[in-house]
Amino acid sequence: MSICFQTNITVITLTACTILFTRSAGVAYFAVGAVSCSLSVKLLKRAIRQPRPSGPHQKKTSYGMPSTHSASITYFATYIPLACIYLPLHPSLPSNAPGIRILSSLVVLPWATCIVSSRVWLGHHSWPQVAVGASYGFAFALVWFNLWCVGLNKYGGVVESFLKINSISL
C-alpha cells in the first residue's frame, strides 16, 4: 500500500515524532485534542448510524456519518495554522527559522484537502459525510485551541518544568 492509503499511520507517526523532538506540553495537548476529536466523532457516528455509500469497492461495514478521517485531518489543518499565527515558537525549535510557521501551514492545508476529498473518491464516504466531519473537526479545533489560549497553557509550562527537573535526575 502506498503512503496515501496509510494517512492515519503517517499522521500519528509525525505527531509522535514532534512530541518526542520538542518535548512540548503544547504539542502533547494538541495530540490529545486530535485523539479526543477522533474518538468523539466515532461516538457521534454510532449515534447517527448513517451507512456508508454503497459501491463495488466498499468493504467497510462501519457507519459513515460523520467521516472520522475528515474530522481528524481538518482538526490538524485548523489547529496548526492557528498555532503558527498566535503561539510563540517552542524553545526546542530553531528561532532563526520563521519559515517553519509558513511551511507548516502550506503543507497541512493541501494535505488535508486531499485526504478529505479522497474519502469520497475512494467511495468510503459521501460529500455530506465528509462535509459534516470536516465541520466537526474545524469547530473542535477552534474550541480546543481557545481552551489552551485562555488558561490551559499555564499548566503546560509547569508540566515542562517538571519534566526537565526529573529528566536531569534520571
N, C-alpha and C. Protein backbone atom coordinates (compact mmCIF):
# COMPACT_ATOMS: atom_id res chain seq x y z
N MET A 1 0.83 -1.19 0.00
CA MET A 1 0.00 0.00 0.00
C MET A 1 0.87 1.24 0.00
N SER A 2 0.42 2.23 -0.71
CA SER A 2 1.18 3.48 -0.75
C SER A 2 0.90 4.29 0.51
N ILE A 3 1.72 5.30 0.70
CA ILE A 3 1.57 6.14 1.89
C ILE A 3 0.25 6.89 1.88
N CYS A 4 -0.33 7.13 0.69
CA CYS A 4 -1.62 7.83 0.61
C CYS A 4 -2.73 7.04 1.29
N PHE A 5 -2.61 5.72 1.29
CA PHE A 5 -3.64 4.89 1.91
C PHE A 5 -3.35 4.64 3.38
N GLN A 6 -2.25 5.12 3.87
CA GLN A 6 -1.88 4.94 5.27
C GLN A 6 -1.76 6.28 5.98
N THR A 7 -2.68 7.19 5.67
CA THR A 7 -2.58 8.53 6.24
C THR A 7 -2.65 8.54 7.76
N ASN A 8 -3.44 7.65 8.33
CA ASN A 8 -3.54 7.63 9.79
C ASN A 8 -2.20 7.27 10.42
N ILE A 9 -1.48 6.33 9.83
CA ILE A 9 -0.17 5.95 10.36
C ILE A 9 0.82 7.09 10.17
N THR A 10 0.78 7.75 9.02
CA THR A 10 1.67 8.88 8.74
C THR A 10 1.43 10.01 9.73
N VAL A 11 0.17 10.37 9.94
CA VAL A 11 -0.16 11.47 10.83
C VAL A 11 0.23 11.14 12.27
N ILE A 12 -0.06 9.94 12.71
CA ILE A 12 0.29 9.53 14.08
C ILE A 12 1.81 9.55 14.27
N THR A 13 2.54 9.04 13.29
CA THR A 13 4.00 8.99 13.39
C THR A 13 4.59 10.39 13.42
N LEU A 14 4.14 11.27 12.54
CA LEU A 14 4.65 12.65 12.53
C LEU A 14 4.33 13.37 13.84
N THR A 15 3.14 13.15 14.38
CA THR A 15 2.76 13.79 15.63
C THR A 15 3.62 13.26 16.78
N ALA A 16 3.82 11.94 16.84
CA ALA A 16 4.65 11.36 17.89
C ALA A 16 6.09 11.86 17.80
N CYS A 17 6.61 11.95 16.60
CA CYS A 17 7.99 12.46 16.43
C CYS A 17 8.09 13.91 16.88
N THR A 18 7.07 14.70 16.59
CA THR A 18 7.08 16.11 17.01
C THR A 18 7.03 16.22 18.53
N ILE A 19 6.24 15.38 19.17
CA ILE A 19 6.18 15.38 20.64
C ILE A 19 7.54 15.00 21.22
N LEU A 20 8.14 13.95 20.68
CA LEU A 20 9.44 13.50 21.19
C LEU A 20 10.55 14.52 20.93
N PHE A 21 10.51 15.17 19.77
CA PHE A 21 11.54 16.15 19.43
C PHE A 21 11.42 17.41 20.28
N THR A 22 10.21 17.94 20.40
CA THR A 22 10.03 19.21 21.12
C THR A 22 9.89 19.03 22.62
N ARG A 23 9.36 17.89 23.03
CA ARG A 23 9.03 17.67 24.44
C ARG A 23 8.18 18.83 24.98
N SER A 24 7.24 19.23 24.14
CA SER A 24 6.39 20.39 24.42
C SER A 24 5.04 19.94 24.96
N ALA A 25 4.64 20.55 26.06
CA ALA A 25 3.31 20.28 26.60
C ALA A 25 2.24 20.75 25.63
N GLY A 26 2.52 21.83 24.91
CA GLY A 26 1.56 22.34 23.93
C GLY A 26 1.34 21.37 22.78
N VAL A 27 2.40 20.72 22.32
CA VAL A 27 2.26 19.73 21.25
C VAL A 27 1.53 18.49 21.78
N ALA A 28 1.83 18.10 23.00
CA ALA A 28 1.13 16.96 23.60
C ALA A 28 -0.36 17.29 23.77
N TYR A 29 -0.66 18.50 24.18
CA TYR A 29 -2.06 18.95 24.31
C TYR A 29 -2.75 18.88 22.95
N PHE A 30 -2.07 19.36 21.91
CA PHE A 30 -2.59 19.29 20.55
C PHE A 30 -2.90 17.83 20.18
N ALA A 31 -2.00 16.91 20.48
CA ALA A 31 -2.20 15.49 20.16
C ALA A 31 -3.38 14.90 20.92
N VAL A 32 -3.52 15.27 22.19
CA VAL A 32 -4.67 14.81 22.97
C VAL A 32 -5.96 15.32 22.34
N GLY A 33 -5.93 16.54 21.83
CA GLY A 33 -7.08 17.10 21.13
C GLY A 33 -7.42 16.31 19.89
N ALA A 34 -6.40 15.91 19.13
CA ALA A 34 -6.63 15.12 17.92
C ALA A 34 -7.29 13.79 18.25
N VAL A 35 -6.80 13.13 19.28
CA VAL A 35 -7.38 11.85 19.71
C VAL A 35 -8.80 12.07 20.21
N SER A 36 -9.01 13.12 20.98
CA SER A 36 -10.35 13.42 21.51
C SER A 36 -11.34 13.71 20.38
N CYS A 37 -10.88 14.45 19.39
CA CYS A 37 -11.72 14.75 18.23
C CYS A 37 -12.12 13.45 17.53
N SER A 38 -11.14 12.60 17.29
CA SER A 38 -11.40 11.34 16.59
C SER A 38 -12.36 10.44 17.38
N LEU A 39 -12.11 10.31 18.67
CA LEU A 39 -12.97 9.44 19.49
C LEU A 39 -14.40 9.99 19.59
N SER A 40 -14.53 11.30 19.73
CA SER A 40 -15.87 11.88 19.84
C SER A 40 -16.64 11.74 18.53
N VAL A 41 -15.94 11.82 17.40
CA VAL A 41 -16.60 11.61 16.11
C VAL A 41 -17.07 10.17 15.99
N LYS A 42 -16.26 9.23 16.47
CA LYS A 42 -16.66 7.82 16.41
C LYS A 42 -17.92 7.58 17.25
N LEU A 43 -18.02 8.25 18.39
CA LEU A 43 -19.24 8.14 19.21
C LEU A 43 -20.44 8.74 18.49
N LEU A 44 -20.23 9.90 17.86
CA LEU A 44 -21.29 10.55 17.11
C LEU A 44 -21.73 9.68 15.94
N LYS A 45 -20.78 9.04 15.29
CA LYS A 45 -21.06 8.16 14.16
C LYS A 45 -21.96 6.99 14.59
N ARG A 46 -21.68 6.46 15.78
CA ARG A 46 -22.51 5.35 16.29
C ARG A 46 -23.90 5.82 16.68
N ALA A 47 -24.02 7.07 17.09
CA ALA A 47 -25.34 7.61 17.45
C ALA A 47 -26.17 7.90 16.20
N ILE A 48 -25.53 8.42 15.15
CA ILE A 48 -26.26 8.76 13.92
C ILE A 48 -26.59 7.52 13.10
N ARG A 49 -25.65 6.60 13.01
CA ARG A 49 -25.84 5.30 12.34
C ARG A 49 -26.20 5.40 10.86
N GLN A 50 -25.64 6.38 10.17
CA GLN A 50 -25.89 6.50 8.73
C GLN A 50 -24.89 5.61 7.99
N PRO A 51 -25.38 4.77 7.08
CA PRO A 51 -24.47 3.87 6.38
C PRO A 51 -23.55 4.62 5.41
N ARG A 52 -22.46 3.96 5.08
CA ARG A 52 -21.55 4.48 4.06
C ARG A 52 -22.20 4.30 2.70
N PRO A 53 -21.71 5.03 1.70
CA PRO A 53 -22.27 4.83 0.36
C PRO A 53 -21.95 3.41 -0.14
N SER A 54 -22.87 2.84 -0.87
CA SER A 54 -22.61 1.50 -1.40
C SER A 54 -21.86 1.64 -2.71
N GLY A 55 -21.04 0.65 -2.99
CA GLY A 55 -20.26 0.67 -4.22
C GLY A 55 -19.45 -0.60 -4.35
N PRO A 56 -18.85 -0.80 -5.51
CA PRO A 56 -18.11 -2.04 -5.75
C PRO A 56 -16.86 -2.20 -4.88
N HIS A 57 -16.28 -1.10 -4.43
CA HIS A 57 -15.05 -1.17 -3.64
C HIS A 57 -15.28 -0.98 -2.15
N GLN A 58 -16.53 -0.87 -1.75
CA GLN A 58 -16.85 -0.62 -0.35
C GLN A 58 -16.73 -1.90 0.46
N LYS A 59 -15.76 -1.93 1.36
CA LYS A 59 -15.55 -3.11 2.20
C LYS A 59 -15.80 -2.80 3.68
N LYS A 60 -15.86 -1.52 4.02
CA LYS A 60 -16.05 -1.15 5.42
C LYS A 60 -17.51 -1.37 5.81
N THR A 61 -17.70 -1.88 7.01
CA THR A 61 -19.06 -2.13 7.49
C THR A 61 -19.47 -1.13 8.57
N SER A 62 -18.57 -0.24 8.96
CA SER A 62 -18.91 0.74 9.97
C SER A 62 -19.76 1.86 9.35
N TYR A 63 -20.27 2.71 10.21
CA TYR A 63 -21.13 3.80 9.75
C TYR A 63 -20.28 4.91 9.13
N GLY A 64 -20.93 5.79 8.35
CA GLY A 64 -20.20 6.78 7.60
C GLY A 64 -20.37 8.22 8.02
N MET A 65 -21.39 8.55 8.79
CA MET A 65 -21.67 9.95 9.14
C MET A 65 -21.35 10.21 10.59
N PRO A 66 -20.45 11.14 10.88
CA PRO A 66 -19.58 11.91 10.00
C PRO A 66 -18.28 11.16 9.75
N SER A 67 -17.53 11.61 8.78
CA SER A 67 -16.25 10.99 8.43
C SER A 67 -15.21 11.30 9.50
N THR A 68 -14.66 10.25 10.10
CA THR A 68 -13.63 10.42 11.13
C THR A 68 -12.34 10.97 10.53
N HIS A 69 -11.94 10.45 9.37
CA HIS A 69 -10.73 10.97 8.72
C HIS A 69 -10.88 12.47 8.45
N SER A 70 -12.03 12.86 7.93
CA SER A 70 -12.25 14.28 7.60
C SER A 70 -12.21 15.15 8.85
N ALA A 71 -12.81 14.69 9.92
CA ALA A 71 -12.80 15.46 11.17
C ALA A 71 -11.39 15.58 11.72
N SER A 72 -10.67 14.48 11.76
CA SER A 72 -9.33 14.48 12.34
C SER A 72 -8.35 15.33 11.55
N ILE A 73 -8.33 15.17 10.24
CA ILE A 73 -7.36 15.93 9.45
C ILE A 73 -7.74 17.41 9.38
N THR A 74 -9.03 17.71 9.44
CA THR A 74 -9.43 19.12 9.49
C THR A 74 -9.06 19.74 10.82
N TYR A 75 -9.10 18.93 11.89
CA TYR A 75 -8.61 19.40 13.18
C TYR A 75 -7.15 19.83 13.03
N PHE A 76 -6.33 19.00 12.41
CA PHE A 76 -4.92 19.32 12.18
C PHE A 76 -4.79 20.59 11.33
N ALA A 77 -5.57 20.65 10.24
CA ALA A 77 -5.47 21.76 9.30
C ALA A 77 -5.99 23.07 9.87
N THR A 78 -6.72 23.01 10.96
CA THR A 78 -7.20 24.22 11.62
C THR A 78 -6.27 24.61 12.77
N TYR A 79 -5.93 23.65 13.60
CA TYR A 79 -5.14 23.92 14.80
C TYR A 79 -3.72 24.37 14.44
N ILE A 80 -3.08 23.70 13.49
CA ILE A 80 -1.68 24.02 13.18
C ILE A 80 -1.52 25.46 12.68
N PRO A 81 -2.31 25.92 11.71
CA PRO A 81 -2.17 27.33 11.32
C PRO A 81 -2.48 28.31 12.46
N LEU A 82 -3.48 27.99 13.29
CA LEU A 82 -3.76 28.85 14.44
C LEU A 82 -2.55 28.94 15.36
N ALA A 83 -1.93 27.80 15.64
CA ALA A 83 -0.75 27.78 16.50
C ALA A 83 0.40 28.55 15.85
N CYS A 84 0.54 28.40 14.55
CA CYS A 84 1.62 29.11 13.83
C CYS A 84 1.42 30.62 13.87
N ILE A 85 0.18 31.06 13.87
CA ILE A 85 -0.11 32.50 13.86
C ILE A 85 -0.05 33.09 15.27
N TYR A 86 -0.63 32.40 16.24
CA TYR A 86 -0.86 33.01 17.55
C TYR A 86 0.07 32.57 18.67
N LEU A 87 0.74 31.45 18.53
CA LEU A 87 1.57 30.96 19.63
C LEU A 87 3.05 31.20 19.34
N PRO A 88 3.84 31.41 20.39
CA PRO A 88 5.27 31.58 20.18
C PRO A 88 5.91 30.24 19.78
N LEU A 89 7.04 30.33 19.08
CA LEU A 89 7.78 29.11 18.74
C LEU A 89 8.29 28.48 20.03
N HIS A 90 8.24 27.18 20.09
CA HIS A 90 8.77 26.47 21.25
C HIS A 90 10.29 26.59 21.26
N PRO A 91 10.91 26.70 22.43
CA PRO A 91 12.37 26.85 22.50
C PRO A 91 13.15 25.71 21.83
N SER A 92 12.54 24.56 21.68
CA SER A 92 13.25 23.43 21.04
C SER A 92 13.37 23.61 19.53
N LEU A 93 12.59 24.53 18.97
CA LEU A 93 12.65 24.79 17.53
C LEU A 93 13.65 25.92 17.25
N PRO A 94 14.31 25.87 16.11
CA PRO A 94 15.29 26.93 15.80
C PRO A 94 14.61 28.29 15.68
N SER A 95 15.10 29.25 16.43
CA SER A 95 14.49 30.59 16.41
C SER A 95 14.77 31.33 15.11
N ASN A 96 15.78 30.91 14.38
CA ASN A 96 16.10 31.58 13.12
C ASN A 96 15.37 30.93 11.94
N ALA A 97 14.33 30.18 12.23
CA ALA A 97 13.57 29.51 11.17
C ALA A 97 12.11 29.94 11.20
N PRO A 98 11.85 31.24 10.97
CA PRO A 98 10.45 31.68 10.98
C PRO A 98 9.64 31.06 9.85
N GLY A 99 10.32 30.57 8.82
CA GLY A 99 9.63 29.92 7.71
C GLY A 99 8.91 28.66 8.12
N ILE A 100 9.24 28.11 9.29
CA ILE A 100 8.58 26.89 9.76
C ILE A 100 7.09 27.14 9.95
N ARG A 101 6.73 28.35 10.33
CA ARG A 101 5.32 28.70 10.51
C ARG A 101 4.58 28.65 9.18
N ILE A 102 5.17 29.22 8.16
CA ILE A 102 4.55 29.26 6.83
C ILE A 102 4.55 27.88 6.21
N LEU A 103 5.68 27.20 6.29
CA LEU A 103 5.80 25.87 5.70
C LEU A 103 4.80 24.89 6.30
N SER A 104 4.62 24.94 7.60
CA SER A 104 3.66 24.04 8.26
C SER A 104 2.26 24.22 7.69
N SER A 105 1.84 25.46 7.56
CA SER A 105 0.50 25.73 7.01
C SER A 105 0.41 25.35 5.54
N LEU A 106 1.47 25.62 4.79
CA LEU A 106 1.46 25.30 3.36
C LEU A 106 1.43 23.80 3.10
N VAL A 107 1.91 23.03 4.05
CA VAL A 107 1.88 21.57 3.89
C VAL A 107 0.55 21.00 4.36
N VAL A 108 0.07 21.42 5.54
CA VAL A 108 -1.09 20.78 6.14
C VAL A 108 -2.40 21.12 5.42
N LEU A 109 -2.52 22.31 4.90
CA LEU A 109 -3.79 22.68 4.26
C LEU A 109 -4.08 21.88 2.98
N PRO A 110 -3.16 21.80 2.01
CA PRO A 110 -3.47 20.98 0.83
C PRO A 110 -3.52 19.49 1.15
N TRP A 111 -2.71 19.05 2.11
CA TRP A 111 -2.73 17.64 2.51
C TRP A 111 -4.11 17.28 3.06
N ALA A 112 -4.65 18.13 3.91
CA ALA A 112 -5.98 17.88 4.48
C ALA A 112 -7.04 17.87 3.39
N THR A 113 -6.95 18.82 2.48
CA THR A 113 -7.92 18.88 1.37
C THR A 113 -7.88 17.59 0.55
N CYS A 114 -6.69 17.10 0.30
CA CYS A 114 -6.52 15.86 -0.47
C CYS A 114 -7.12 14.67 0.27
N ILE A 115 -6.88 14.59 1.56
CA ILE A 115 -7.40 13.47 2.36
C ILE A 115 -8.92 13.51 2.42
N VAL A 116 -9.48 14.69 2.69
CA VAL A 116 -10.94 14.81 2.76
C VAL A 116 -11.56 14.41 1.43
N SER A 117 -11.02 14.92 0.34
CA SER A 117 -11.55 14.60 -0.99
C SER A 117 -11.39 13.12 -1.31
N SER A 118 -10.29 12.54 -0.90
CA SER A 118 -10.04 11.12 -1.21
C SER A 118 -11.06 10.20 -0.56
N ARG A 119 -11.64 10.63 0.55
CA ARG A 119 -12.65 9.79 1.22
C ARG A 119 -13.85 9.58 0.30
N VAL A 120 -14.20 10.59 -0.49
CA VAL A 120 -15.30 10.47 -1.45
C VAL A 120 -14.82 9.74 -2.70
N TRP A 121 -13.65 10.13 -3.22
CA TRP A 121 -13.13 9.50 -4.43
C TRP A 121 -12.94 7.99 -4.27
N LEU A 122 -12.56 7.57 -3.06
CA LEU A 122 -12.36 6.14 -2.80
C LEU A 122 -13.67 5.43 -2.48
N GLY A 123 -14.76 6.18 -2.37
CA GLY A 123 -16.06 5.59 -2.12
C GLY A 123 -16.35 5.26 -0.67
N HIS A 124 -15.52 5.76 0.25
CA HIS A 124 -15.72 5.47 1.67
C HIS A 124 -16.80 6.34 2.31
N HIS A 125 -17.02 7.53 1.73
CA HIS A 125 -17.99 8.47 2.29
C HIS A 125 -18.66 9.25 1.17
N SER A 126 -19.79 9.85 1.52
CA SER A 126 -20.47 10.78 0.60
C SER A 126 -19.96 12.19 0.91
N TRP A 127 -20.24 13.15 0.01
CA TRP A 127 -19.85 14.53 0.26
C TRP A 127 -20.46 15.08 1.54
N PRO A 128 -21.75 14.82 1.82
CA PRO A 128 -22.29 15.32 3.10
C PRO A 128 -21.57 14.73 4.32
N GLN A 129 -21.16 13.47 4.24
CA GLN A 129 -20.46 12.85 5.37
C GLN A 129 -19.11 13.50 5.61
N VAL A 130 -18.37 13.82 4.55
CA VAL A 130 -17.08 14.48 4.74
C VAL A 130 -17.27 15.95 5.12
N ALA A 131 -18.32 16.59 4.63
CA ALA A 131 -18.59 17.98 4.99
C ALA A 131 -18.90 18.10 6.49
N VAL A 132 -19.71 17.18 7.00
CA VAL A 132 -20.04 17.21 8.43
C VAL A 132 -18.79 16.87 9.25
N GLY A 133 -18.02 15.89 8.80
CA GLY A 133 -16.78 15.54 9.50
C GLY A 133 -15.81 16.71 9.54
N ALA A 134 -15.61 17.35 8.39
CA ALA A 134 -14.70 18.49 8.33
C ALA A 134 -15.20 19.65 9.19
N SER A 135 -16.48 19.89 9.19
CA SER A 135 -17.06 20.96 10.02
C SER A 135 -16.85 20.66 11.50
N TYR A 136 -17.03 19.40 11.86
CA TYR A 136 -16.83 18.99 13.25
C TYR A 136 -15.37 19.20 13.66
N GLY A 137 -14.44 18.75 12.81
CA GLY A 137 -13.02 18.91 13.11
C GLY A 137 -12.62 20.38 13.23
N PHE A 138 -13.17 21.21 12.36
CA PHE A 138 -12.90 22.65 12.39
C PHE A 138 -13.38 23.26 13.71
N ALA A 139 -14.62 22.97 14.07
CA ALA A 139 -15.19 23.51 15.31
C ALA A 139 -14.44 22.99 16.54
N PHE A 140 -14.12 21.69 16.53
CA PHE A 140 -13.40 21.09 17.66
C PHE A 140 -12.05 21.77 17.83
N ALA A 141 -11.34 22.01 16.73
CA ALA A 141 -10.03 22.65 16.80
C ALA A 141 -10.13 24.07 17.35
N LEU A 142 -11.14 24.81 16.93
CA LEU A 142 -11.32 26.18 17.43
C LEU A 142 -11.53 26.18 18.95
N VAL A 143 -12.39 25.29 19.42
CA VAL A 143 -12.66 25.21 20.86
C VAL A 143 -11.42 24.75 21.61
N TRP A 144 -10.75 23.71 21.10
CA TRP A 144 -9.57 23.14 21.78
C TRP A 144 -8.43 24.17 21.85
N PHE A 145 -8.21 24.89 20.74
CA PHE A 145 -7.17 25.92 20.71
C PHE A 145 -7.51 27.04 21.69
N ASN A 146 -8.77 27.46 21.72
CA ASN A 146 -9.20 28.53 22.63
C ASN A 146 -8.99 28.11 24.09
N LEU A 147 -9.28 26.86 24.43
CA LEU A 147 -9.05 26.39 25.81
C LEU A 147 -7.58 26.51 26.19
N TRP A 148 -6.69 26.20 25.25
CA TRP A 148 -5.26 26.33 25.51
C TRP A 148 -4.88 27.79 25.75
N CYS A 149 -5.41 28.66 24.91
CA CYS A 149 -5.04 30.08 24.97
C CYS A 149 -5.60 30.82 26.18
N VAL A 150 -6.74 30.38 26.70
CA VAL A 150 -7.36 31.10 27.81
C VAL A 150 -6.96 30.57 29.18
N GLY A 151 -6.00 29.66 29.24
CA GLY A 151 -5.57 29.26 30.57
C GLY A 151 -4.85 27.93 30.69
N LEU A 152 -5.17 26.97 29.85
CA LEU A 152 -4.51 25.67 29.99
C LEU A 152 -3.02 25.75 29.66
N ASN A 153 -2.61 26.74 28.87
CA ASN A 153 -1.21 26.90 28.53
C ASN A 153 -0.35 27.15 29.77
N LYS A 154 -0.92 27.73 30.81
CA LYS A 154 -0.16 27.98 32.05
C LYS A 154 0.27 26.67 32.69
N TYR A 155 -0.56 25.65 32.57
CA TYR A 155 -0.21 24.34 33.11
C TYR A 155 0.86 23.66 32.27
N GLY A 156 0.90 24.01 30.98
CA GLY A 156 1.91 23.44 30.10
C GLY A 156 3.32 23.77 30.56
N GLY A 157 3.53 25.02 30.96
CA GLY A 157 4.85 25.41 31.47
C GLY A 157 5.23 24.65 32.72
N VAL A 158 4.26 24.42 33.59
CA VAL A 158 4.51 23.67 34.82
C VAL A 158 4.91 22.23 34.48
N VAL A 159 4.20 21.62 33.54
CA VAL A 159 4.50 20.25 33.14
C VAL A 159 5.89 20.17 32.53
N GLU A 160 6.23 21.10 31.64
CA GLU A 160 7.56 21.08 31.02
C GLU A 160 8.66 21.28 32.05
N SER A 161 8.46 22.18 33.01
CA SER A 161 9.45 22.39 34.07
C SER A 161 9.63 21.12 34.89
N PHE A 162 8.54 20.46 35.21
CA PHE A 162 8.59 19.21 35.98
C PHE A 162 9.37 18.15 35.21
N LEU A 163 9.12 18.05 33.92
CA LEU A 163 9.82 17.05 33.11
C LEU A 163 11.32 17.35 33.00
N LYS A 164 11.69 18.63 32.91
CA LYS A 164 13.11 19.00 32.83
C LYS A 164 13.82 18.65 34.13
N ILE A 165 13.19 18.94 35.26
CA ILE A 165 13.80 18.65 36.56
C ILE A 165 13.99 17.14 36.71
N ASN A 166 12.96 16.36 36.37
CA ASN A 166 13.05 14.91 36.56
C ASN A 166 13.96 14.25 35.53
N SER A 167 14.13 14.81 34.34
CA SER A 167 15.00 14.19 33.36
C SER A 167 16.46 14.37 33.73
N ILE A 168 16.78 15.45 34.47
CA ILE A 168 18.16 15.67 34.91
C ILE A 168 18.53 14.66 35.98
N SER A 169 17.59 14.35 36.87
CA SER A 169 17.88 13.43 37.96
C SER A 169 17.91 11.98 37.52
N LEU A 170 17.34 11.68 36.33
CA LEU A 170 17.35 10.31 35.85
C LEU A 170 18.71 10.00 35.35
